Amino acid sequence: MWRQPLRFCKRPLSCFCVTARVVPLIGTLQSVHLGEYSMPLTAYNNVPVPSFMYGTSWKKEATTQLVQLAVVAGFAAIDTANQLIHYQEALVGEALLALAQQGFTRDRLFLQTKFTPTNGQDHRTPYDASATLTTQVKQSFDSSLAHLHTEYLDSYVLHGPYQRQGLRDADWEVWAAIEGLYQSGKTKMIGISNVTAGQLTQLCAQAAVKPMMVQNRCYAALGWDKEVREICRVHGIIYQGFSLLTANREVFADPGIRAIAKRLGTGLAQVVFRFSMQVGMLPLTGTTNPQHMKDDLQAEQLTLTAEDMQVIETIGM
């Protein structure tokens, strides 16, 4: 149920250059306008969320520098998790400290992190694995605040249910603890990742507080997770799509999407990101290339026709 290795981004075909080495930050950061390309989204609780998010999984020791580069490029939303297998949450925090010194104050950034259950951790759990699940959530949350040098989160996400189908007692106990964090004002939004349509339907029907965020790996062959996206639309939940590029490499050989990119004078990645925005998704990118960061943000400036949308919606189906 957890993310597969993304490593360093290698974008397929002509618009996906092999990632260049990470370059040093040059010049002042203060000239950058956060969210310059961003049209905010809102969930049912009316909290504004930037329309594009930078993901930090598998960045390892490069995390600090890459987060700074992403903010320099214009990203105002950062995704991480308190899970050392795939993330370096504390290094995200180091980047935030460095950015604050350059004028990027906490209120200018949207921070999202996750509680990862023991079945998604190795031996380095950020909580006492023998404690109650409620205690594990509290300890992990407090650890995240310390890592990120903040007094609150914008979004706190359950990294995934304890099994692939249905919700069991463990899921409900963890969700209740997460609801408590939201009700206390310590996080502005709560959500769930790696969730099926059935699980999300059950959660929305029975939870005291419905999720405001859903984050899933998004496959073109499954209609870009259409069933889950529809549940999100009905309930006013923001759907976040990750691995839009790496999970859909076959899409980029399709002559239809290549023709769209050629007509618009843009890259295939930007077409996919723009498609995701126009169907109501909040896309994540995890590129390590500073130029790709800037290019990806330009997707906000594109417009796809209804015919374009139909072509992309049905690729691989």
C-alpha atoms as a PDB file:
ATOM      1  CA  MET A   1       0.000   0.000   0.000  1.00  0.00           C
ATOM      2  CA  TRP A   2       3.003   2.277   0.220  1.00  0.00           C
ATOM      3  CA  ARG A   3       4.695   4.227  -2.520  1.00  0.00           C
ATOM      4  CA  GLN A   4       7.033   2.457  -4.847  1.00  0.00           C
ATOM      5  CA  PRO A   5      10.512   3.940  -5.341  1.00  0.00           C
ATOM      6  CA  LEU A   6      10.390   7.014  -7.556  1.00  0.00           C
ATOM      7  CA  ARG A   7      14.124   7.639  -7.196  1.00  0.00           C
ATOM      8  CA  PHE A   8      15.340  10.548  -9.263  1.00  0.00           C
ATOM      9  CA  CYS A   9      12.978  11.478 -12.035  1.00  0.00           C
ATOM     10  CA  LYS A  10      13.664  10.114 -15.517  1.00  0.00           C
ATOM     11  CA  ARG A  11      10.950  11.472 -17.759  1.00  0.00           C
ATOM     12  CA  PRO A  12      10.146   9.246 -20.742  1.00  0.00           C
ATOM     13  CA  LEU A  13      10.481  10.326 -24.334  1.00  0.00           C
ATOM     14  CA  SER A  14      11.495  13.690 -25.691  1.00  0.00           C
ATOM     15  CA  CYS A  15       9.970  15.934 -23.034  1.00  0.00           C
ATOM     16  CA  PHE A  16      11.348  13.864 -20.144  1.00  0.00           C
ATOM     17  CA  CYS A  17      15.036  14.622 -20.095  1.00  0.00           C
ATOM     18  CA  VAL A  18      17.118  12.512 -17.733  1.00  0.00           C
ATOM     19  CA  THR A  19      17.319  14.472 -14.541  1.00  0.00           C
ATOM     20  CA  ALA A  20      20.284  16.776 -14.242  1.00  0.00           C
ATOM     21  CA  ARG A  21      22.360  16.885 -11.099  1.00  0.00           C
ATOM     22  CA  VAL A  22      21.025  19.066  -8.302  1.00  0.00           C
ATOM     23  CA  VAL A  23      22.555  22.488  -8.646  1.00  0.00           C
ATOM     24  CA  PRO A  24      23.370  24.918  -5.835  1.00  0.00           C
ATOM     25  CA  LEU A  25      20.917  27.662  -5.000  1.00  0.00           C
ATOM     26  CA  ILE A  26      22.031  30.857  -6.668  1.00  0.00           C
ATOM     27  CA  GLY A  27      21.150  34.385  -5.672  1.00  0.00           C
ATOM     28  CA  THR A  28      18.400  35.617  -3.390  1.00  0.00           C
ATOM     29  CA  LEU A  29      15.215  33.706  -2.799  1.00  0.00           C
ATOM     30  CA  GLN A  30      13.233  36.838  -2.044  1.00  0.00           C
ATOM     31  CA  SER A  31      12.594  37.648  -5.690  1.00  0.00           C
ATOM     32  CA  VAL A  32      10.384  34.568  -6.066  1.00  0.00           C
ATOM     33  CA  HIS A  33       6.626  34.989  -5.707  1.00  0.00           C
ATOM     34  CA  LEU A  34       5.129  31.920  -4.039  1.00  0.00           C
ATOM     35  CA  GLY A  35       2.068  30.561  -5.731  1.00  0.00           C
ATOM     36  CA  GLU A  36       2.622  32.784  -8.756  1.00  0.00           C
ATOM     37  CA  TYR A  37       1.084  30.120 -10.991  1.00  0.00           C
ATOM     38  CA  SER A  38      -1.381  28.778  -8.455  1.00  0.00           C
ATOM     39  CA  MET A  39      -5.175  28.930  -8.485  1.00  0.00           C
ATOM     40  CA  PRO A  40      -6.216  27.745  -4.996  1.00  0.00           C
ATOM     41  CA  LEU A  41      -8.500  24.763  -4.482  1.00  0.00           C
ATOM     42  CA  THR A  42     -10.898  24.415  -1.571  1.00  0.00           C
ATOM     43  CA  ALA A  43     -12.371  21.364   0.148  1.00  0.00           C
ATOM     44  CA  TYR A  44     -15.715  21.295   1.934  1.00  0.00           C
ATOM     45  CA  ASN A  45     -14.254  23.104   4.969  1.00  0.00           C
ATOM     46  CA  ASN A  46     -13.209  26.051   2.750  1.00  0.00           C
ATOM     47  CA  VAL A  47      -9.469  25.984   3.491  1.00  0.00           C
ATOM     48  CA  PRO A  48      -7.573  27.255   0.413  1.00  0.00           C
ATOM     49  CA  VAL A  49      -4.944  24.879  -0.973  1.00  0.00           C
ATOM     50  CA  PRO A  50      -2.371  25.607  -3.715  1.00  0.00           C
ATOM     51  CA  SER A  51      -3.231  23.781  -6.934  1.00  0.00           C
ATOM     52  CA  PHE A  52       0.163  22.058  -7.343  1.00  0.00           C
ATOM     53  CA  MET A  53       2.217  20.256  -4.712  1.00  0.00           C
ATOM     54  CA  TYR A  54       5.867  19.240  -4.496  1.00  0.00           C
ATOM     55  CA  GLY A  55       6.397  15.697  -3.227  1.00  0.00           C
ATOM     56  CA  THR A  56       9.506  14.736  -1.256  1.00  0.00           C
ATOM     57  CA  SER A  57       9.506  10.930  -1.279  1.00  0.00           C
ATOM     58  CA  TRP A  58      12.798   9.191  -2.110  1.00  0.00           C
ATOM     59  CA  LYS A  59      14.821  12.411  -2.104  1.00  0.00           C
ATOM     60  CA  LYS A  60      17.073  11.156   0.731  1.00  0.00           C
ATOM     61  CA  GLU A  61      19.974  13.468   1.572  1.00  0.00           C
ATOM     62  CA  ALA A  62      19.023  15.831  -1.289  1.00  0.00           C
ATOM     63  CA  THR A  63      15.682  16.651   0.364  1.00  0.00           C
ATOM     64  CA  THR A  64      16.747  19.956   1.932  1.00  0.00           C
ATOM     65  CA  GLN A  65      18.143  21.405  -1.254  1.00  0.00           C
ATOM     66  CA  LEU A  66      15.315  20.134  -3.451  1.00  0.00           C
ATOM     67  CA  VAL A  67      12.615  21.627  -1.238  1.00  0.00           C
ATOM     68  CA  GLN A  68      14.392  24.976  -1.421  1.00  0.00           C
ATOM     69  CA  LEU A  69      14.642  24.695  -5.205  1.00  0.00           C
ATOM     70  CA  ALA A  70      10.953  23.822  -5.443  1.00  0.00           C
ATOM     71  CA  VAL A  71       9.934  26.871  -3.422  1.00  0.00           C
ATOM     72  CA  VAL A  72      12.277  29.035  -5.488  1.00  0.00           C
ATOM     73  CA  ALA A  73      10.564  27.714  -8.626  1.00  0.00           C
ATOM     74  CA  GLY A  74       7.178  28.740  -7.238  1.00  0.00           C
ATOM     75  CA  PHE A  75       5.727  25.785  -5.331  1.00  0.00           C
ATOM     76  CA  ALA A  76       3.833  26.819  -2.211  1.00  0.00           C
ATOM     77  CA  ALA A  77       2.726  23.337  -1.076  1.00  0.00           C
ATOM     78  CA  ILE A  78       5.066  20.620   0.210  1.00  0.00           C
ATOM     79  CA  ASP A  79       4.178  16.972   0.874  1.00  0.00           C
ATOM     80  CA  THR A  80       6.169  14.691   3.169  1.00  0.00           C
ATOM     81  CA  ALA A  81       5.643  11.889   5.725  1.00  0.00           C
ATOM     82  CA  ASN A  82       7.064  10.782   9.077  1.00  0.00           C
ATOM     83  CA  GLN A  83       8.387   7.574   7.502  1.00  0.00           C
ATOM     84  CA  LEU A  84      12.140   7.135   7.153  1.00  0.00           C
ATOM     85  CA  ILE A  85      11.861   4.355   4.570  1.00  0.00           C
ATOM     86  CA  HIS A  86      10.713   6.808   1.899  1.00  0.00           C
ATOM     87  CA  TYR A  87      10.993  10.317   3.356  1.00  0.00           C
ATOM     88  CA  GLN A  88      13.323  12.622   5.270  1.00  0.00           C
ATOM     89  CA  GLU A  89      10.794  14.816   7.066  1.00  0.00           C
ATOM     90  CA  ALA A  90      13.454  16.422   9.271  1.00  0.00           C
ATOM     91  CA  LEU A  91      15.368  17.533   6.171  1.00  0.00           C
ATOM     92  CA  VAL A  92      12.214  19.205   4.900  1.00  0.00           C
ATOM     93  CA  GLY A  93      12.283  21.079   8.192  1.00  0.00           C
ATOM     94  CA  GLU A  94      15.875  22.169   7.577  1.00  0.00           C
ATOM     95  CA  ALA A  95      14.794  23.561   4.213  1.00  0.00           C
ATOM     96  CA  LEU A  96      11.963  25.466   5.893  1.00  0.00           C
ATOM     97  CA  LEU A  97      14.388  27.049   8.356  1.00  0.00           C
ATOM     98  CA  ALA A  98      16.653  28.157   5.519  1.00  0.00           C
ATOM     99  CA  LEU A  99      13.704  29.512   3.542  1.00  0.00           C
ATOM    100  CA  ALA A 100      12.427  31.440   6.573  1.00  0.00           C
ATOM    101  CA  GLN A 101      15.742  33.261   6.756  1.00  0.00           C
ATOM    102  CA  GLN A 102      15.126  34.442   3.200  1.00  0.00           C
ATOM    103  CA  GLY A 103      11.625  35.725   3.926  1.00  0.00           C
ATOM    104  CA  PHE A 104       9.508  32.660   3.211  1.00  0.00           C
ATOM    105  CA  THR A 105       7.564  32.650   6.447  1.00  0.00           C
ATOM    106  CA  ARG A 106       5.478  29.709   7.629  1.00  0.00           C
ATOM    107  CA  ASP A 107       2.169  31.330   6.671  1.00  0.00           C
ATOM    108  CA  ARG A 108       3.260  31.441   3.032  1.00  0.00           C
ATOM    109  CA  LEU A 109       3.629  27.663   2.743  1.00  0.00           C
ATOM    110  CA  PHE A 110       1.156  24.775   2.815  1.00  0.00           C
ATOM    111  CA  LEU A 111       2.668  21.825   4.728  1.00  0.00           C
ATOM    112  CA  GLN A 112       1.268  18.322   4.506  1.00  0.00           C
ATOM    113  CA  THR A 113       2.658  15.265   6.262  1.00  0.00           C
ATOM    114  CA  LYS A 114       1.411  11.816   7.182  1.00  0.00           C
ATOM    115  CA  PHE A 115       0.975   9.301   9.962  1.00  0.00           C
ATOM    116  CA  THR A 116       2.385   5.999   8.719  1.00  0.00           C
ATOM    117  CA  PRO A 117       1.235   2.860  10.569  1.00  0.00           C
ATOM    118  CA  THR A 118       3.754   0.223  11.670  1.00  0.00           C
ATOM    119  CA  ASN A 119       3.108  -1.907   8.561  1.00  0.00           C
ATOM    120  CA  GLY A 120       4.546   0.923   6.469  1.00  0.00           C
ATOM    121  CA  GLN A 121       7.570   1.554   8.712  1.00  0.00           C
ATOM    122  CA  ASP A 122      10.862  -0.180   9.360  1.00  0.00           C
ATOM    123  CA  HIS A 123      12.445  -0.375  12.816  1.00  0.00           C
ATOM    124  CA  ARG A 124      12.825   3.442  12.924  1.00  0.00           C
ATOM    125  CA  THR A 125       9.256   4.268  13.924  1.00  0.00           C
ATOM    126  CA  PRO A 126       8.745   7.877  15.066  1.00  0.00           C
ATOM    127  CA  TYR A 127       6.594   6.600  17.933  1.00  0.00           C
ATOM    128  CA  ASP A 128       6.465   3.776  20.463  1.00  0.00           C
ATOM    129  CA  ALA A 129       5.266   0.860  18.346  1.00  0.00           C
ATOM    130  CA  SER A 130       4.041  -0.939  21.471  1.00  0.00           C
ATOM    131  CA  ALA A 131       1.816   1.973  22.523  1.00  0.00           C
ATOM    132  CA  THR A 132      -1.885   2.300  21.738  1.00  0.00           C
ATOM    133  CA  LEU A 133      -2.705   3.491  18.228  1.00  0.00           C
ATOM    134  CA  THR A 134      -4.070   6.750  19.635  1.00  0.00           C
ATOM    135  CA  THR A 135      -0.732   7.340  21.368  1.00  0.00           C
ATOM    136  CA  GLN A 136       1.178   6.432  18.212  1.00  0.00           C
ATOM    137  CA  VAL A 137      -0.713   9.091  16.254  1.00  0.00           C
ATOM    138  CA  LYS A 138      -0.069  11.734  18.923  1.00  0.00           C
ATOM    139  CA  GLN A 139       3.640  10.882  19.175  1.00  0.00           C
ATOM    140  CA  SER A 140       4.078  10.863  15.394  1.00  0.00           C
ATOM    141  CA  PHE A 141       2.226  14.174  15.049  1.00  0.00           C
ATOM    142  CA  ASP A 142       4.314  15.837  17.770  1.00  0.00           C
ATOM    143  CA  SER A 143       7.457  14.470  16.111  1.00  0.00           C
ATOM    144  CA  SER A 144       6.351  15.953  12.775  1.00  0.00           C
ATOM    145  CA  LEU A 145       5.799  19.373  14.332  1.00  0.00           C
ATOM    146  CA  ALA A 146       9.324  19.217  15.771  1.00  0.00           C
ATOM    147  CA  HIS A 147      10.829  18.062  12.461  1.00  0.00           C
ATOM    148  CA  LEU A 148       9.083  20.799  10.517  1.00  0.00           C
ATOM    149  CA  HIS A 149       9.656  23.550  13.109  1.00  0.00           C
ATOM    150  CA  THR A 150       5.996  24.508  13.144  1.00  0.00           C
ATOM    151  CA  GLU A 151       3.167  24.765  15.651  1.00  0.00           C
ATOM    152  CA  TYR A 152       0.493  23.490  13.269  1.00  0.00           C
ATOM    153  CA  LEU A 153       0.016  21.607  10.010  1.00  0.00           C
ATOM    154  CA  ASP A 154      -2.061  22.529   7.019  1.00  0.00           C
ATOM    155  CA  SER A 155      -2.909  18.906   6.237  1.00  0.00           C
ATOM    156  CA  TYR A 156      -2.377  15.666   8.173  1.00  0.00           C
ATOM    157  CA  VAL A 157      -2.939  12.444   6.270  1.00  0.00           C
ATOM    158  CA  LEU A 158      -3.307   8.784   7.229  1.00  0.00           C
ATOM    159  CA  HIS A 159      -0.744   7.151   4.937  1.00  0.00           C
ATOM    160  CA  GLY A 160      -3.016   4.210   4.276  1.00  0.00           C
ATOM    161  CA  PRO A 161      -5.499   1.789   5.845  1.00  0.00           C
ATOM    162  CA  TYR A 162      -4.183  -1.326   7.567  1.00  0.00           C
ATOM    163  CA  GLN A 163      -5.406  -3.613   4.769  1.00  0.00           C
ATOM    164  CA  ARG A 164      -6.289  -3.372   1.104  1.00  0.00           C
ATOM    165  CA  GLN A 165     -10.033  -3.844   1.461  1.00  0.00           C
ATOM    166  CA  GLY A 166     -12.412  -2.468   4.068  1.00  0.00           C
ATOM    167  CA  LEU A 167     -11.712  -0.648   7.314  1.00  0.00           C
ATOM    168  CA  ARG A 168     -11.112  -2.411  10.614  1.00  0.00           C
ATOM    169  CA  ASP A 169     -10.937  -1.352  14.246  1.00  0.00           C
ATOM    170  CA  ALA A 170      -7.334  -0.167  13.912  1.00  0.00           C
ATOM    171  CA  ASP A 171      -8.275   2.203  11.089  1.00  0.00           C
ATOM    172  CA  TRP A 172     -11.153   3.670  13.089  1.00  0.00           C
ATOM    173  CA  GLU A 173      -8.994   4.220  16.166  1.00  0.00           C
ATOM    174  CA  VAL A 174      -6.310   5.963  14.132  1.00  0.00           C
ATOM    175  CA  TRP A 175      -8.878   8.054  12.262  1.00  0.00           C
ATOM    176  CA  ALA A 176     -10.509   9.114  15.535  1.00  0.00           C
ATOM    177  CA  ALA A 177      -7.105  10.274  16.794  1.00  0.00           C
ATOM    178  CA  ILE A 178      -6.578  12.243  13.574  1.00  0.00           C
ATOM    179  CA  GLU A 179     -10.061  13.744  13.889  1.00  0.00           C
ATOM    180  CA  GLY A 180      -9.083  14.875  17.378  1.00  0.00           C
ATOM    181  CA  LEU A 181      -6.058  16.726  15.998  1.00  0.00           C
ATOM    182  CA  TYR A 182      -8.304  18.513  13.510  1.00  0.00           C
ATOM    183  CA  GLN A 183     -10.894  19.383  16.142  1.00  0.00           C
ATOM    184  CA  SER A 184      -8.154  20.792  18.388  1.00  0.00           C
ATOM    185  CA  GLY A 185      -7.012  23.145  15.608  1.00  0.00           C
ATOM    186  CA  LYS A 186      -3.558  21.592  15.331  1.00  0.00           C
ATOM    187  CA  THR A 187      -4.121  20.782  11.659  1.00  0.00           C
ATOM    188  CA  LYS A 188      -6.345  22.682   9.241  1.00  0.00           C
ATOM    189  CA  MET A 189      -7.232  19.630   7.160  1.00  0.00           C
ATOM    190  CA  ILE A 190      -7.129  15.842   7.463  1.00  0.00           C
ATOM    191  CA  GLY A 191      -7.001  13.166   4.822  1.00  0.00           C
ATOM    192  CA  ILE A 192      -6.199   9.622   3.771  1.00  0.00           C
ATOM    193  CA  SER A 193      -3.880   8.112   1.162  1.00  0.00           C
ATOM    194  CA  ASN A 194      -3.708   4.810  -0.720  1.00  0.00           C
ATOM    195  CA  VAL A 195      -7.441   4.295  -0.293  1.00  0.00           C
ATOM    196  CA  THR A 196      -9.952   2.334  -2.383  1.00  0.00           C
ATOM    197  CA  ALA A 197     -13.364   3.580  -3.444  1.00  0.00           C
ATOM    198  CA  GLY A 198     -15.007   1.193  -0.997  1.00  0.00           C
ATOM    199  CA  GLN A 199     -12.864   2.320   1.905  1.00  0.00           C
ATOM    200  CA  LEU A 200     -13.443   5.985   1.121  1.00  0.00           C
ATOM    201  CA  THR A 201     -17.194   5.467   0.852  1.00  0.00           C
ATOM    202  CA  GLN A 202     -17.191   3.756   4.247  1.00  0.00           C
ATOM    203  CA  LEU A 203     -15.075   6.476   5.822  1.00  0.00           C
ATOM    204  CA  CYS A 204     -17.279   9.271   4.491  1.00  0.00           C
ATOM    205  CA  ALA A 205     -20.409   7.489   5.718  1.00  0.00           C
ATOM    206  CA  GLN A 206     -19.244   6.656   9.242  1.00  0.00           C
ATOM    207  CA  ALA A 207     -16.550   9.131  10.301  1.00  0.00           C
ATOM    208  CA  ALA A 208     -17.346  12.001  12.636  1.00  0.00           C
ATOM    209  CA  VAL A 209     -15.190  14.182  10.362  1.00  0.00           C
ATOM    210  CA  LYS A 210     -14.867  13.254   6.694  1.00  0.00           C
ATOM    211  CA  PRO A 211     -11.456  13.584   5.041  1.00  0.00           C
ATOM    212  CA  MET A 212     -10.763  16.831   3.224  1.00  0.00           C
ATOM    213  CA  MET A 213      -7.893  15.266   1.250  1.00  0.00           C
ATOM    214  CA  VAL A 214      -7.400  11.974  -0.591  1.00  0.00           C
ATOM    215  CA  GLN A 215      -3.995  11.164  -2.056  1.00  0.00           C
ATOM    216  CA  ASN A 216      -3.701   8.188  -4.417  1.00  0.00           C
ATOM    217  CA  ARG A 217      -1.384   6.858  -7.068  1.00  0.00           C
ATOM    218  CA  CYS A 218      -3.227   7.667 -10.283  1.00  0.00           C
ATOM    219  CA  TYR A 219      -3.272   5.207 -13.200  1.00  0.00           C
ATOM    220  CA  ALA A 220      -4.524   6.113 -16.678  1.00  0.00           C
ATOM    221  CA  ALA A 221      -5.494   2.478 -17.226  1.00  0.00           C
ATOM    222  CA  LEU A 222      -7.958   2.798 -14.326  1.00  0.00           C
ATOM    223  CA  GLY A 223      -9.561   5.929 -15.698  1.00  0.00           C
ATOM    224  CA  TRP A 224      -7.191   8.128 -13.711  1.00  0.00           C
ATOM    225  CA  ASP A 225      -8.772   6.735 -10.508  1.00  0.00           C
ATOM    226  CA  LYS A 226     -12.163   7.931 -11.727  1.00  0.00           C
ATOM    227  CA  GLU A 227     -14.264   6.086  -9.124  1.00  0.00           C
ATOM    228  CA  VAL A 228     -12.367   7.581  -6.188  1.00  0.00           C
ATOM    229  CA  ARG A 229     -12.323  11.007  -7.827  1.00  0.00           C
ATOM    230  CA  GLU A 230     -16.094  10.921  -8.203  1.00  0.00           C
ATOM    231  CA  ILE A 231     -16.546  10.150  -4.511  1.00  0.00           C
ATOM    232  CA  CYS A 232     -14.267  13.083  -3.740  1.00  0.00           C
ATOM    233  CA  ARG A 233     -16.303  15.364  -5.996  1.00  0.00           C
ATOM    234  CA  VAL A 234     -19.573  14.396  -4.337  1.00  0.00           C
ATOM    235  CA  HIS A 235     -18.204  14.982  -0.824  1.00  0.00           C
ATOM    236  CA  GLY A 236     -16.192  18.129  -1.492  1.00  0.00           C
ATOM    237  CA  ILE A 237     -12.841  16.363  -0.957  1.00  0.00           C
ATOM    238  CA  ILE A 238      -9.678  17.442  -2.767  1.00  0.00           C
ATOM    239  CA  TYR A 239      -8.175  14.554  -4.749  1.00  0.00           C
ATOM    240  CA  GLN A 240      -4.378  14.558  -4.924  1.00  0.00           C
ATOM    241  CA  GLY A 241      -2.841  12.460  -7.686  1.00  0.00           C
ATOM    242  CA  PHE A 242       0.725  11.181  -7.350  1.00  0.00           C
ATOM    243  CA  SER A 243       2.916   9.220  -9.770  1.00  0.00           C
ATOM    244  CA  LEU A 244       0.993  10.795 -12.637  1.00  0.00           C
ATOM    245  CA  LEU A 245       4.089  10.449 -14.810  1.00  0.00           C
ATOM    246  CA  THR A 246       5.944   7.433 -13.429  1.00  0.00           C
ATOM    247  CA  ALA A 247       2.821   5.247 -13.173  1.00  0.00           C
ATOM    248  CA  ASN A 248       1.759   6.048 -16.740  1.00  0.00           C
ATOM    249  CA  ARG A 249       4.810   5.785 -18.962  1.00  0.00           C
ATOM    250  CA  GLU A 250       2.798   4.075 -21.708  1.00  0.00           C
ATOM    251  CA  VAL A 251       0.647   7.206 -22.008  1.00  0.00           C
ATOM    252  CA  PHE A 252       3.516   9.166 -23.499  1.00  0.00           C
ATOM    253  CA  ALA A 253       3.747   6.929 -26.548  1.00  0.00           C
ATOM    254  CA  ASP A 254       0.122   7.661 -27.441  1.00  0.00           C
ATOM    255  CA  PRO A 255      -0.087   9.684 -30.674  1.00  0.00           C
ATOM    256  CA  GLY A 256      -3.102  11.626 -29.397  1.00  0.00           C
ATOM    257  CA  ILE A 257      -1.359  13.148 -26.397  1.00  0.00           C
ATOM    258  CA  ARG A 258       1.781  13.768 -28.441  1.00  0.00           C
ATOM    259  CA  ALA A 259      -0.290  15.710 -30.970  1.00  0.00           C
ATOM    260  CA  ILE A 260      -1.816  17.806 -28.174  1.00  0.00           C
ATOM    261  CA  ALA A 261       1.624  18.659 -26.781  1.00  0.00           C
ATOM    262  CA  LYS A 262       2.906  19.574 -30.251  1.00  0.00           C
ATOM    263  CA  ARG A 263      -0.087  21.820 -30.949  1.00  0.00           C
ATOM    264  CA  LEU A 264       0.319  23.638 -27.634  1.00  0.00           C
ATOM    265  CA  GLY A 265       4.091  23.875 -27.958  1.00  0.00           C
ATOM    266  CA  THR A 266       4.648  22.246 -24.585  1.00  0.00           C
ATOM    267  CA  GLY A 267       5.898  19.025 -23.038  1.00  0.00           C
ATOM    268  CA  LEU A 268       3.965  15.832 -22.461  1.00  0.00           C
ATOM    269  CA  ALA A 269       4.368  16.176 -18.709  1.00  0.00           C
ATOM    270  CA  GLN A 270       2.738  19.587 -18.755  1.00  0.00           C
ATOM    271  CA  VAL A 271      -0.195  18.210 -20.747  1.00  0.00           C
ATOM    272  CA  VAL A 272      -0.748  15.487 -18.142  1.00  0.00           C
ATOM    273  CA  PHE A 273      -0.521  17.955 -15.275  1.00  0.00           C
ATOM    274  CA  ARG A 274      -2.925  20.343 -17.006  1.00  0.00           C
ATOM    275  CA  PHE A 275      -5.348  17.493 -17.658  1.00  0.00           C
ATOM    276  CA  SER A 276      -5.255  16.581 -13.978  1.00  0.00           C
ATOM    277  CA  MET A 277      -6.014  20.167 -12.973  1.00  0.00           C
ATOM    278  CA  GLN A 278      -8.921  20.465 -15.398  1.00  0.00           C
ATOM    279  CA  VAL A 279     -10.564  17.300 -14.049  1.00  0.00           C
ATOM    280  CA  GLY A 280     -10.261  18.718 -10.546  1.00  0.00           C
ATOM    281  CA  MET A 281      -7.148  16.988  -9.230  1.00  0.00           C
ATOM    282  CA  LEU A 282      -4.334  18.491  -7.228  1.00  0.00           C
ATOM    283  CA  PRO A 283      -1.252  16.970  -8.903  1.00  0.00           C
ATOM    284  CA  LEU A 284       2.033  16.185  -7.204  1.00  0.00           C
ATOM    285  CA  THR A 285       5.395  16.277  -8.903  1.00  0.00           C
ATOM    286  CA  GLY A 286       8.599  14.924  -7.447  1.00  0.00           C
ATOM    287  CA  THR A 287      11.050  16.064 -10.094  1.00  0.00           C
ATOM    288  CA  THR A 288      14.618  16.744  -8.990  1.00  0.00           C
ATOM    289  CA  ASN A 289      15.393  18.943 -12.001  1.00  0.00           C
ATOM    290  CA  PRO A 290      15.067  22.716 -11.342  1.00  0.00           C
ATOM    291  CA  GLN A 291      14.056  23.414 -14.943  1.00  0.00           C
ATOM    292  CA  HIS A 292      11.389  20.713 -14.834  1.00  0.00           C
ATOM    293  CA  MET A 293      10.019  22.318 -11.655  1.00  0.00           C
ATOM    294  CA  LYS A 294       9.535  25.578 -13.535  1.00  0.00           C
ATOM    295  CA  ASP A 295       8.174  23.809 -16.605  1.00  0.00           C
ATOM    296  CA  ASP A 296       5.662  21.821 -14.563  1.00  0.00           C
ATOM    297  CA  LEU A 297       4.288  24.963 -12.935  1.00  0.00           C
ATOM    298  CA  GLN A 298       3.621  26.371 -16.396  1.00  0.00           C
ATOM    299  CA  ALA A 299       0.887  23.746 -16.791  1.00  0.00           C
ATOM    300  CA  GLU A 300      -1.339  26.232 -14.965  1.00  0.00           C
ATOM    301  CA  GLN A 301      -1.159  28.501 -18.016  1.00  0.00           C
ATOM    302  CA  LEU A 302      -2.392  25.888 -20.504  1.00  0.00           C
ATOM    303  CA  THR A 303      -5.954  25.212 -21.626  1.00  0.00           C
ATOM    304  CA  LEU A 304      -7.087  21.860 -22.997  1.00  0.00           C
ATOM    305  CA  THR A 305     -10.173  21.580 -25.187  1.00  0.00           C
ATOM    306  CA  ALA A 306     -13.022  19.175 -24.484  1.00  0.00           C
ATOM    307  CA  GLU A 307     -11.649  16.996 -27.279  1.00  0.00           C
ATOM    308  CA  ASP A 308      -8.187  17.022 -25.689  1.00  0.00           C
ATOM    309  CA  MET A 309      -9.671  16.013 -22.351  1.00  0.00           C
ATOM    310  CA  GLN A 310     -11.553  13.115 -23.925  1.00  0.00           C
ATOM    311  CA  VAL A 311      -8.393  11.838 -25.610  1.00  0.00           C
ATOM    312  CA  ILE A 312      -6.422  11.846 -22.356  1.00  0.00           C
ATOM    313  CA  GLU A 313      -9.295  10.581 -20.180  1.00  0.00           C
ATOM    314  CA  THR A 314      -9.598   7.422 -22.279  1.00  0.00           C
ATOM    315  CA  ILE A 315      -5.912   6.632 -22.879  1.00  0.00           C
ATOM    316  CA  GLY A 316      -5.078   3.085 -21.864  1.00  0.00           C
ATOM    317  CA  MET A 317      -8.688   2.037 -21.323  1.00  0.00           C
END
